C-alpha atoms as a PDB file:
ATOM      1  CA  UNK A   1      -4.829  -0.643   3.156  1.00  0.00           C
ATOM      2  CA  UNK A   2      -1.879   1.517   2.110  1.00  0.00           C
ATOM      3  CA  UNK A   3      -1.618   2.504  -1.563  1.00  0.00           C
ATOM      4  CA  UNK A   4       1.717   3.097  -3.299  1.00  0.00           C
ATOM      5  CA  UNK A   5       2.747   3.916  -6.862  1.00  0.00           C
ATOM      6  CA  UNK A   6       6.090   2.236  -7.566  1.00  0.00           C
ATOM      7  CA  UNK A   7       7.271   5.187  -9.640  1.00  0.00           C
ATOM      8  CA  UNK A   8       5.187   5.108 -12.810  1.00  0.00           C
ATOM      9  CA  UNK A   9       4.293   8.450 -14.392  1.00  0.00           C
ATOM     10  CA  UNK A  10       1.202   8.440 -16.584  1.00  0.00           C
ATOM     11  CA  UNK A  11      -0.293  10.817 -19.133  1.00  0.00           C
ATOM     12  CA  UNK A  12      -3.859  11.441 -20.266  1.00  0.00           C
ATOM     13  CA  UNK A  13      -3.166   9.243 -23.305  1.00  0.00           C
ATOM     14  CA  UNK A  14      -2.353   6.095 -21.297  1.00  0.00           C
ATOM     15  CA  UNK A  15      -4.903   3.282 -21.438  1.00  0.00           C
ATOM     16  CA  UNK A  16      -5.142  -0.033 -19.614  1.00  0.00           C
ATOM     17  CA  UNK A  17      -6.451  -3.086 -21.448  1.00  0.00           C
ATOM     18  CA  UNK A  18      -7.776  -6.351 -20.063  1.00  0.00           C
ATOM     19  CA  UNK A  19      -8.264  -9.365 -22.357  1.00  0.00           C
ATOM     20  CA  UNK A  20     -10.913 -11.883 -21.308  1.00  0.00           C
ATOM     21  CA  UNK A  21     -12.634 -14.979 -22.568  1.00  0.00           C
ATOM     22  CA  UNK A  22     -16.406 -14.653 -22.398  1.00  0.00           C
ATOM     23  CA  UNK A  23     -16.837 -16.517 -19.110  1.00  0.00           C
ATOM     24  CA  UNK A  24     -14.250 -14.437 -17.246  1.00  0.00           C
ATOM     25  CA  UNK A  25     -15.876 -11.302 -18.583  1.00  0.00           C
ATOM     26  CA  UNK A  26     -19.286 -12.581 -17.475  1.00  0.00           C
ATOM     27  CA  UNK A  27     -17.911 -13.268 -14.000  1.00  0.00           C
ATOM     28  CA  UNK A  28     -16.535  -9.713 -13.801  1.00  0.00           C
ATOM     29  CA  UNK A  29     -19.829  -8.009 -14.720  1.00  0.00           C
ATOM     30  CA  UNK A  30     -22.079 -10.303 -12.645  1.00  0.00           C
ATOM     31  CA  UNK A  31     -19.942 -10.109  -9.506  1.00  0.00           C
ATOM     32  CA  UNK A  32     -18.852  -6.494 -10.190  1.00  0.00           C
ATOM     33  CA  UNK A  33     -15.435  -7.486  -8.903  1.00  0.00           C
ATOM     34  CA  UNK A  34     -11.810  -7.448 -10.071  1.00  0.00           C
ATOM     35  CA  UNK A  35      -9.940 -10.703  -9.556  1.00  0.00           C
ATOM     36  CA  UNK A  36      -6.396 -10.781  -8.125  1.00  0.00           C
ATOM     37  CA  UNK A  37      -4.530 -14.033  -8.765  1.00  0.00           C
ATOM     38  CA  UNK A  38      -2.070 -15.339  -6.217  1.00  0.00           C
ATOM     39  CA  UNK A  39       1.420 -14.932  -7.626  1.00  0.00           C
ATOM     40  CA  UNK A  40       2.357 -18.620  -7.413  1.00  0.00           C
ATOM     41  CA  UNK A  41      -0.579 -19.422  -9.737  1.00  0.00           C
ATOM     42  CA  UNK A  42       0.952 -17.425 -12.594  1.00  0.00           C
ATOM     43  CA  UNK A  43       2.751 -18.999 -15.561  1.00  0.00           C
ATOM     44  CA  UNK A  44       6.101 -17.308 -14.820  1.00  0.00           C
ATOM     45  CA  UNK A  45       7.905 -19.319 -12.126  1.00  0.00           C
ATOM     46  CA  UNK A  46      10.167 -16.324 -11.449  1.00  0.00           C
ATOM     47  CA  UNK A  47       7.369 -13.965 -10.444  1.00  0.00           C
ATOM     48  CA  UNK A  48       8.555 -11.881  -7.490  1.00  0.00           C
ATOM     49  CA  UNK A  49      12.156 -13.110  -7.592  1.00  0.00           C
ATOM     50  CA  UNK A  50      14.751 -10.959  -5.810  1.00  0.00           C
ATOM     51  CA  UNK A  51      18.219 -10.096  -7.094  1.00  0.00           C
ATOM     52  CA  UNK A  52      19.883 -12.490  -4.690  1.00  0.00           C
ATOM     53  CA  UNK A  53      17.560 -15.317  -5.615  1.00  0.00           C
ATOM     54  CA  UNK A  54      18.120 -14.602  -9.301  1.00  0.00           C
ATOM     55  CA  UNK A  55      21.907 -14.722  -8.907  1.00  0.00           C
ATOM     56  CA  UNK A  56      21.717 -18.023  -7.065  1.00  0.00           C
ATOM     57  CA  UNK A  57      19.506 -19.473  -9.781  1.00  0.00           C
ATOM     58  CA  UNK A  58      21.050 -18.162 -12.994  1.00  0.00           C
ATOM     59  CA  UNK A  59      24.311 -16.429 -12.107  1.00  0.00           C
ATOM     60  CA  UNK A  60      27.842 -17.422 -13.041  1.00  0.00           C
ATOM     61  CA  UNK A  61      30.065 -18.831 -10.291  1.00  0.00           C
ATOM     62  CA  UNK A  62      31.282 -15.402  -9.136  1.00  0.00           C
ATOM     63  CA  UNK A  63      27.700 -14.099  -8.996  1.00  0.00           C
ATOM     64  CA  UNK A  64      26.523 -17.085  -6.987  1.00  0.00           C
ATOM     65  CA  UNK A  65      29.392 -16.601  -4.554  1.00  0.00           C
ATOM     66  CA  UNK A  66      28.428 -12.945  -4.148  1.00  0.00           C
ATOM     67  CA  UNK A  67      24.797 -13.897  -3.574  1.00  0.00           C
ATOM     68  CA  UNK A  68      25.741 -16.450  -0.924  1.00  0.00           C
ATOM     69  CA  UNK A  69      27.940 -13.863   0.775  1.00  0.00           C
ATOM     70  CA  UNK A  70      25.093 -11.314   0.706  1.00  0.00           C
ATOM     71  CA  UNK A  71      22.782 -13.888   2.215  1.00  0.00           C
ATOM     72  CA  UNK A  72      25.205 -14.761   5.010  1.00  0.00           C
ATOM     73  CA  UNK A  73      25.990 -11.119   5.833  1.00  0.00           C
ATOM     74  CA  UNK A  74      22.466  -9.815   5.619  1.00  0.00           C
ATOM     75  CA  UNK A  75      20.921  -8.532   8.832  1.00  0.00           C
ATOM     76  CA  UNK A  76      17.549  -9.868   7.776  1.00  0.00           C
ATOM     77  CA  UNK A  77      16.475 -13.306   6.633  1.00  0.00           C
ATOM     78  CA  UNK A  78      15.260 -13.153   3.062  1.00  0.00           C
ATOM     79  CA  UNK A  79      11.801 -14.501   2.422  1.00  0.00           C
ATOM     80  CA  UNK A  80      11.857 -17.663   0.253  1.00  0.00           C
ATOM     81  CA  UNK A  81      10.464 -17.055  -3.220  1.00  0.00           C
ATOM     82  CA  UNK A  82       7.749 -19.693  -2.734  1.00  0.00           C
ATOM     83  CA  UNK A  83       6.523 -17.886   0.394  1.00  0.00           C
ATOM     84  CA  UNK A  84       6.578 -14.448  -1.238  1.00  0.00           C
ATOM     85  CA  UNK A  85       4.559 -15.762  -4.175  1.00  0.00           C
ATOM     86  CA  UNK A  86       1.845 -16.954  -1.778  1.00  0.00           C
ATOM     87  CA  UNK A  87       1.636 -13.545  -0.070  1.00  0.00           C
ATOM     88  CA  UNK A  88       1.333 -11.450  -3.243  1.00  0.00           C
ATOM     89  CA  UNK A  89      -1.872 -11.134  -5.310  1.00  0.00           C
ATOM     90  CA  UNK A  90      -1.833  -9.494  -8.723  1.00  0.00           C
ATOM     91  CA  UNK A  91      -4.153  -8.070 -11.375  1.00  0.00           C
ATOM     92  CA  UNK A  92      -2.429  -7.605 -14.735  1.00  0.00           C
ATOM     93  CA  UNK A  93      -3.302  -5.127 -17.501  1.00  0.00           C
ATOM     94  CA  UNK A  94      -1.722  -4.090 -20.794  1.00  0.00           C
ATOM     95  CA  UNK A  95      -0.679  -0.432 -20.894  1.00  0.00           C
ATOM     96  CA  UNK A  96      -0.821   0.810 -24.486  1.00  0.00           C
ATOM     97  CA  UNK A  97      -2.858   3.025 -26.777  1.00  0.00           C
ATOM     98  CA  UNK A  98      -3.704   0.206 -29.232  1.00  0.00           C
ATOM     99  CA  UNK A  99      -4.922  -3.380 -29.339  1.00  0.00           C
ATOM    100  CA  UNK A 100      -2.409  -6.209 -29.195  1.00  0.00           C
ATOM    101  CA  UNK A 101      -2.614  -9.309 -31.401  1.00  0.00           C
ATOM    102  CA  UNK A 102      -0.237 -11.077 -29.023  1.00  0.00           C
ATOM    103  CA  UNK A 103      -2.563 -10.441 -26.066  1.00  0.00           C
ATOM    104  CA  UNK A 104      -5.633 -11.581 -27.994  1.00  0.00           C
ATOM    105  CA  UNK A 105      -3.826 -14.827 -28.785  1.00  0.00           C
ATOM    106  CA  UNK A 106      -2.434 -15.347 -25.289  1.00  0.00           C
ATOM    107  CA  UNK A 107      -5.359 -14.436 -23.048  1.00  0.00           C
ATOM    108  CA  UNK A 108      -8.529 -14.717 -25.095  1.00  0.00           C
ATOM    109  CA  UNK A 109     -10.142 -16.604 -27.968  1.00  0.00           C
ATOM    110  CA  UNK A 110     -12.555 -15.885 -30.804  1.00  0.00           C
ATOM    111  CA  UNK A 111     -15.381 -15.569 -28.286  1.00  0.00           C
ATOM    112  CA  UNK A 112     -13.437 -13.114 -26.149  1.00  0.00           C
ATOM    113  CA  UNK A 113     -13.517  -9.402 -25.536  1.00  0.00           C
ATOM    114  CA  UNK A 114     -11.136  -6.672 -24.421  1.00  0.00           C
ATOM    115  CA  UNK A 115     -11.892  -3.902 -21.940  1.00  0.00           C
ATOM    116  CA  UNK A 116     -10.150  -0.559 -22.423  1.00  0.00           C
ATOM    117  CA  UNK A 117      -9.972   1.897 -19.518  1.00  0.00           C
ATOM    118  CA  UNK A 118      -8.425   5.291 -19.255  1.00  0.00           C
ATOM    119  CA  UNK A 119      -5.473   4.455 -17.000  1.00  0.00           C
ATOM    120  CA  UNK A 120      -6.196   7.159 -14.444  1.00  0.00           C
ATOM    121  CA  UNK A 121      -9.845   6.025 -14.157  1.00  0.00           C
ATOM    122  CA  UNK A 122      -9.007   2.379 -13.423  1.00  0.00           C
ATOM    123  CA  UNK A 123      -6.237   3.299 -10.967  1.00  0.00           C
ATOM    124  CA  UNK A 124      -8.589   5.629  -9.103  1.00  0.00           C
ATOM    125  CA  UNK A 125     -11.347   3.007  -9.068  1.00  0.00           C
ATOM    126  CA  UNK A 126      -9.113   0.252  -7.667  1.00  0.00           C
ATOM    127  CA  UNK A 127      -7.506   2.622  -5.154  1.00  0.00           C
ATOM    128  CA  UNK A 128     -10.907   3.715  -3.871  1.00  0.00           C
ATOM    129  CA  UNK A 129     -12.153   0.141  -3.419  1.00  0.00           C
ATOM    130  CA  UNK A 130      -9.290  -1.478  -1.509  1.00  0.00           C
ATOM    131  CA  UNK A 131     -11.507  -1.750   1.568  1.00  0.00           C
ATOM    132  CA  UNK A 132     -13.888  -3.919  -0.459  1.00  0.00           C
ATOM    133  CA  UNK A 133     -11.590  -6.924  -0.905  1.00  0.00           C
ATOM    134  CA  UNK A 134     -12.893 -10.245   0.385  1.00  0.00           C
ATOM    135  CA  UNK A 135      -9.775 -10.516   2.615  1.00  0.00           C
ATOM    136  CA  UNK A 136      -9.349  -6.861   3.557  1.00  0.00           C
ATOM    137  CA  UNK A 137      -8.372  -7.457   7.191  1.00  0.00           C
ATOM    138  CA  UNK A 138      -5.453  -9.626   6.059  1.00  0.00           C
ATOM    139  CA  UNK A 139      -4.116  -7.319   3.344  1.00  0.00           C
ATOM    140  CA  UNK A 140      -1.462  -4.663   4.003  1.00  0.00           C
ATOM    141  CA  UNK A 141      -0.573  -2.645   0.900  1.00  0.00           C
ATOM    142  CA  UNK A 142      -1.685  -2.119  -2.710  1.00  0.00           C
ATOM    143  CA  UNK A 143       1.170  -1.290  -5.092  1.00  0.00           C
ATOM    144  CA  UNK A 144       0.677  -0.334  -8.736  1.00  0.00           C
ATOM    145  CA  UNK A 145       2.934   0.509 -11.662  1.00  0.00           C
ATOM    146  CA  UNK A 146       4.573  -0.618 -14.886  1.00  0.00           C
ATOM    147  CA  UNK A 147       6.571  -3.835 -15.066  1.00  0.00           C
ATOM    148  CA  UNK A 148      10.295  -3.355 -15.811  1.00  0.00           C
ATOM    149  CA  UNK A 149      11.604  -6.019 -18.183  1.00  0.00           C
ATOM    150  CA  UNK A 150      15.156  -7.268 -17.673  1.00  0.00           C
ATOM    151  CA  UNK A 151      17.199  -9.954 -19.406  1.00  0.00           C
ATOM    152  CA  UNK A 152      17.613 -12.455 -16.574  1.00  0.00           C
ATOM    153  CA  UNK A 153      20.300 -14.282 -18.579  1.00  0.00           C
ATOM    154  CA  UNK A 154      22.395 -11.170 -19.159  1.00  0.00           C
ATOM    155  CA  UNK A 155      24.858 -10.435 -16.297  1.00  0.00           C
ATOM    156  CA  UNK A 156      24.652  -6.655 -16.783  1.00  0.00           C
ATOM    157  CA  UNK A 157      20.857  -6.677 -16.755  1.00  0.00           C
ATOM    158  CA  UNK A 158      20.773  -8.940 -13.729  1.00  0.00           C
ATOM    159  CA  UNK A 159      22.874  -6.524 -11.717  1.00  0.00           C
ATOM    160  CA  UNK A 160      20.515  -3.675 -12.654  1.00  0.00           C
ATOM    161  CA  UNK A 161      17.621  -5.302 -10.863  1.00  0.00           C
ATOM    162  CA  UNK A 162      16.317  -3.281  -7.951  1.00  0.00           C
ATOM    163  CA  UNK A 163      16.016  -5.197  -4.707  1.00  0.00           C
ATOM    164  CA  UNK A 164      13.683  -2.920  -2.760  1.00  0.00           C
ATOM    165  CA  UNK A 165      10.728  -4.901  -1.457  1.00  0.00           C
ATOM    166  CA  UNK A 166       8.014  -2.838  -3.237  1.00  0.00           C
ATOM    167  CA  UNK A 167       9.792  -3.237  -6.581  1.00  0.00           C
ATOM    168  CA  UNK A 168      10.514  -6.983  -6.446  1.00  0.00           C
ATOM    169  CA  UNK A 169       7.070  -7.869  -7.806  1.00  0.00           C
ATOM    170  CA  UNK A 170       7.437  -5.400 -10.676  1.00  0.00           C
ATOM    171  CA  UNK A 171      10.369  -6.959 -12.570  1.00  0.00           C
ATOM    172  CA  UNK A 172      10.072  -9.732 -15.125  1.00  0.00           C
ATOM    173  CA  UNK A 173      12.264 -11.441 -17.685  1.00  0.00           C
ATOM    174  CA  UNK A 174      12.576  -9.829 -21.124  1.00  0.00           C
ATOM    175  CA  UNK A 175      10.750 -12.776 -22.716  1.00  0.00           C
ATOM    176  CA  UNK A 176       7.499 -11.340 -21.313  1.00  0.00           C
ATOM    177  CA  UNK A 177       8.054  -7.848 -22.731  1.00  0.00           C
ATOM    178  CA  UNK A 178       5.242  -8.237 -25.269  1.00  0.00           C
ATOM    179  CA  UNK A 179       2.776  -8.051 -22.352  1.00  0.00           C
ATOM    180  CA  UNK A 180       3.625  -4.370 -21.661  1.00  0.00           C
ATOM    181  CA  UNK A 181       2.150  -4.911 -18.243  1.00  0.00           C
ATOM    182  CA  UNK A 182       0.747  -2.460 -15.756  1.00  0.00           C
ATOM    183  CA  UNK A 183       0.286  -4.314 -12.482  1.00  0.00           C
ATOM    184  CA  UNK A 184      -1.792  -3.948  -9.352  1.00  0.00           C
ATOM    185  CA  UNK A 185      -0.229  -5.938  -6.517  1.00  0.00           C
ATOM    186  CA  UNK A 186      -1.766  -6.557  -3.096  1.00  0.00           C
ATOM    187  CA  UNK A 187       0.631  -7.691  -0.379  1.00  0.00           C
ATOM    188  CA  UNK A 188      -0.679  -9.749   2.494  1.00  0.00           C
ATOM    189  CA  UNK A 189       0.160  -8.681   6.045  1.00  0.00           C
ATOM    190  CA  UNK A 190       2.965 -10.880   7.403  1.00  0.00           C
ATOM    191  CA  UNK A 191       1.216 -11.293  10.753  1.00  0.00           C
ATOM    192  CA  UNK A 192      -1.874 -12.798   9.128  1.00  0.00           C
ATOM    193  CA  UNK A 193      -0.005 -15.093   6.715  1.00  0.00           C
ATOM    194  CA  UNK A 194      -0.675 -18.811   6.719  1.00  0.00           C
ATOM    195  CA  UNK A 195       0.524 -21.183   3.989  1.00  0.00           C
ATOM    196  CA  UNK A 196      -2.120 -21.573   1.252  1.00  0.00           C
ATOM    197  CA  UNK A 197      -4.645 -19.741   3.426  1.00  0.00           C
ATOM    198  CA  UNK A 198      -5.953 -17.426   0.677  1.00  0.00           C
ATOM    199  CA  UNK A 199      -6.190 -18.774  -2.913  1.00  0.00           C
ATOM    200  CA  UNK A 200      -7.183 -15.433  -4.497  1.00  0.00           C
ATOM    201  CA  UNK A 201      -8.528 -11.961  -3.724  1.00  0.00           C
ATOM    202  CA  UNK A 202     -11.636 -10.353  -5.179  1.00  0.00           C
ATOM    203  CA  UNK A 203     -12.202  -6.623  -5.007  1.00  0.00           C
ATOM    204  CA  UNK A 204     -15.827  -5.560  -5.126  1.00  0.00           C
ATOM    205  CA  UNK A 205     -16.215  -2.354  -7.146  1.00  0.00           C
ATOM    206  CA  UNK A 206     -18.786   0.048  -5.742  1.00  0.00           C
ATOM    207  CA  UNK A 207     -20.791   1.909  -8.369  1.00  0.00           C
ATOM    208  CA  UNK A 208     -19.583  -0.579 -10.976  1.00  0.00           C
ATOM    209  CA  UNK A 209     -22.380   0.441 -13.336  1.00  0.00           C
ATOM    210  CA  UNK A 210     -21.019   3.996 -13.407  1.00  0.00           C
ATOM    211  CA  UNK A 211     -17.628   2.903 -14.709  1.00  0.00           C
ATOM    212  CA  UNK A 212     -16.713   4.202 -18.151  1.00  0.00           C
ATOM    213  CA  UNK A 213     -14.799   1.931 -20.494  1.00  0.00           C
ATOM    214  CA  UNK A 214     -14.744   0.551 -24.040  1.00  0.00           C
ATOM    215  CA  UNK A 215     -15.644  -3.042 -24.834  1.00  0.00           C
ATOM    216  CA  UNK A 216     -13.956  -4.366 -27.973  1.00  0.00           C
ATOM    217  CA  UNK A 217     -14.964  -7.590 -29.706  1.00  0.00           C
ATOM    218  CA  UNK A 218     -12.368 -10.140 -30.728  1.00  0.00           C
ATOM    219  CA  UNK A 219     -11.384  -9.416 -34.347  1.00  0.00           C
ATOM    220  CA  UNK A 220     -12.601 -12.888 -35.428  1.00  0.00           C
ATOM    221  CA  UNK A 221     -15.881 -12.898 -33.506  1.00  0.00           C
ATOM    222  CA  UNK A 222     -18.966 -13.830 -35.522  1.00  0.00           C
ATOM    223  CA  UNK A 223     -21.743 -11.199 -35.800  1.00  0.00           C
ATOM    224  CA  UNK A 224     -24.413 -13.254 -33.960  1.00  0.00           C
ATOM    225  CA  UNK A 225     -22.085 -13.656 -30.968  1.00  0.00           C
ATOM    226  CA  UNK A 226     -21.577  -9.892 -30.875  1.00  0.00           C
ATOM    227  CA  UNK A 227     -25.338  -9.430 -30.658  1.00  0.00           C
ATOM    228  CA  UNK A 228     -25.517 -11.863 -27.741  1.00  0.00           C
ATOM    229  CA  UNK A 229     -22.879  -9.907 -25.838  1.00  0.00           C
ATOM    230  CA  UNK A 230     -24.663  -6.610 -26.587  1.00  0.00           C
ATOM    231  CA  UNK A 231     -27.815  -8.067 -25.041  1.00  0.00           C
ATOM    232  CA  UNK A 232     -25.859  -9.181 -21.958  1.00  0.00           C
ATOM    233  CA  UNK A 233     -24.406  -5.693 -21.618  1.00  0.00           C
ATOM    234  CA  UNK A 234     -27.852  -4.088 -21.822  1.00  0.00           C
ATOM    235  CA  UNK A 235     -29.143  -6.397 -19.083  1.00  0.00           C
ATOM    236  CA  UNK A 236     -26.211  -6.332 -16.680  1.00  0.00           C
ATOM    237  CA  UNK A 237     -24.109  -3.250 -17.205  1.00  0.00           C
ATOM    238  CA  UNK A 238     -24.580   0.483 -17.674  1.00  0.00           C
ATOM    239  CA  UNK A 239     -24.900   2.708 -20.705  1.00  0.00           C
ATOM    240  CA  UNK A 240     -21.435   4.104 -19.920  1.00  0.00           C
ATOM    241  CA  UNK A 241     -19.875   1.263 -21.901  1.00  0.00           C
ATOM    242  CA  UNK A 242     -18.900   2.008 -25.479  1.00  0.00           C
ATOM    243  CA  UNK A 243     -19.139  -1.187 -27.568  1.00  0.00           C
ATOM    244  CA  UNK A 244     -16.818  -1.369 -30.556  1.00  0.00           C
ATOM    245  CA  UNK A 245     -15.531  -3.717 -33.225  1.00  0.00           C
ATOM    246  CA  UNK A 246     -11.839  -4.460 -33.267  1.00  0.00           C
ATOM    247  CA  UNK A 247      -9.644  -2.199 -35.377  1.00  0.00           C
ATOM    248  CA  UNK A 248      -7.665  -5.265 -36.455  1.00  0.00           C
ATOM    249  CA  UNK A 249      -8.288  -7.241 -39.644  1.00  0.00           C
ATOM    250  CA  UNK A 250      -7.278 -10.875 -39.200  1.00  0.00           C
ATOM    251  CA  UNK A 251      -7.849 -13.823 -41.526  1.00  0.00           C
ATOM    252  CA  UNK A 252     -10.540 -16.330 -40.629  1.00  0.00           C
ATOM    253  CA  UNK A 253      -9.089 -19.815 -40.931  1.00  0.00           C
END
């Protein structure tokens, strides 16, 4: 599988966060695998939309006319959005140096946890394990990088969208900006594509127990639940994990 960075430059102080409810976390540590969701299963219906498709959907009359003209004059047939979404598989992480209340609320609950990786460590780990996906023979390329947030309802922002194929899956509407997403995207090989053939992709991580990361408890988690998770960690995962309380102080309702 080819591996491509879509243009993101990182520093030593960049961290990637994943927010999980307890059962998703348990699945990750038991199976020692990272889950890639198929793009059409995501909440955002515009995942993977191209500039032309965006103009046809949201553009003013003159923009729609331009998009139709581009479509008619193009030397290649553009892939329908619904098809592209079924060929792309994504794993989404927050890139930031601190916890996010918004991400706790959106992707976890009071029984949940967050995993914090040094960005370079997680990127290296995923890059080194591309051969270990459950559908490796059907996958073509792994892309990774930051999401660029654009105002899909603003004409100037719309026209600033990049339409290169590797970048299409790395642009989202401004309403999702709070996610501060760093994305890993696996593209299925066109020659192996069949409609609804692959519902998801799992990447088995070799030497999972050697991974170094922080585990942070939900800021509202009760002490006895923390002890349960500590016992699970001792039984299933390595000593490389640093277990921490949240730095956030939130009211218990």
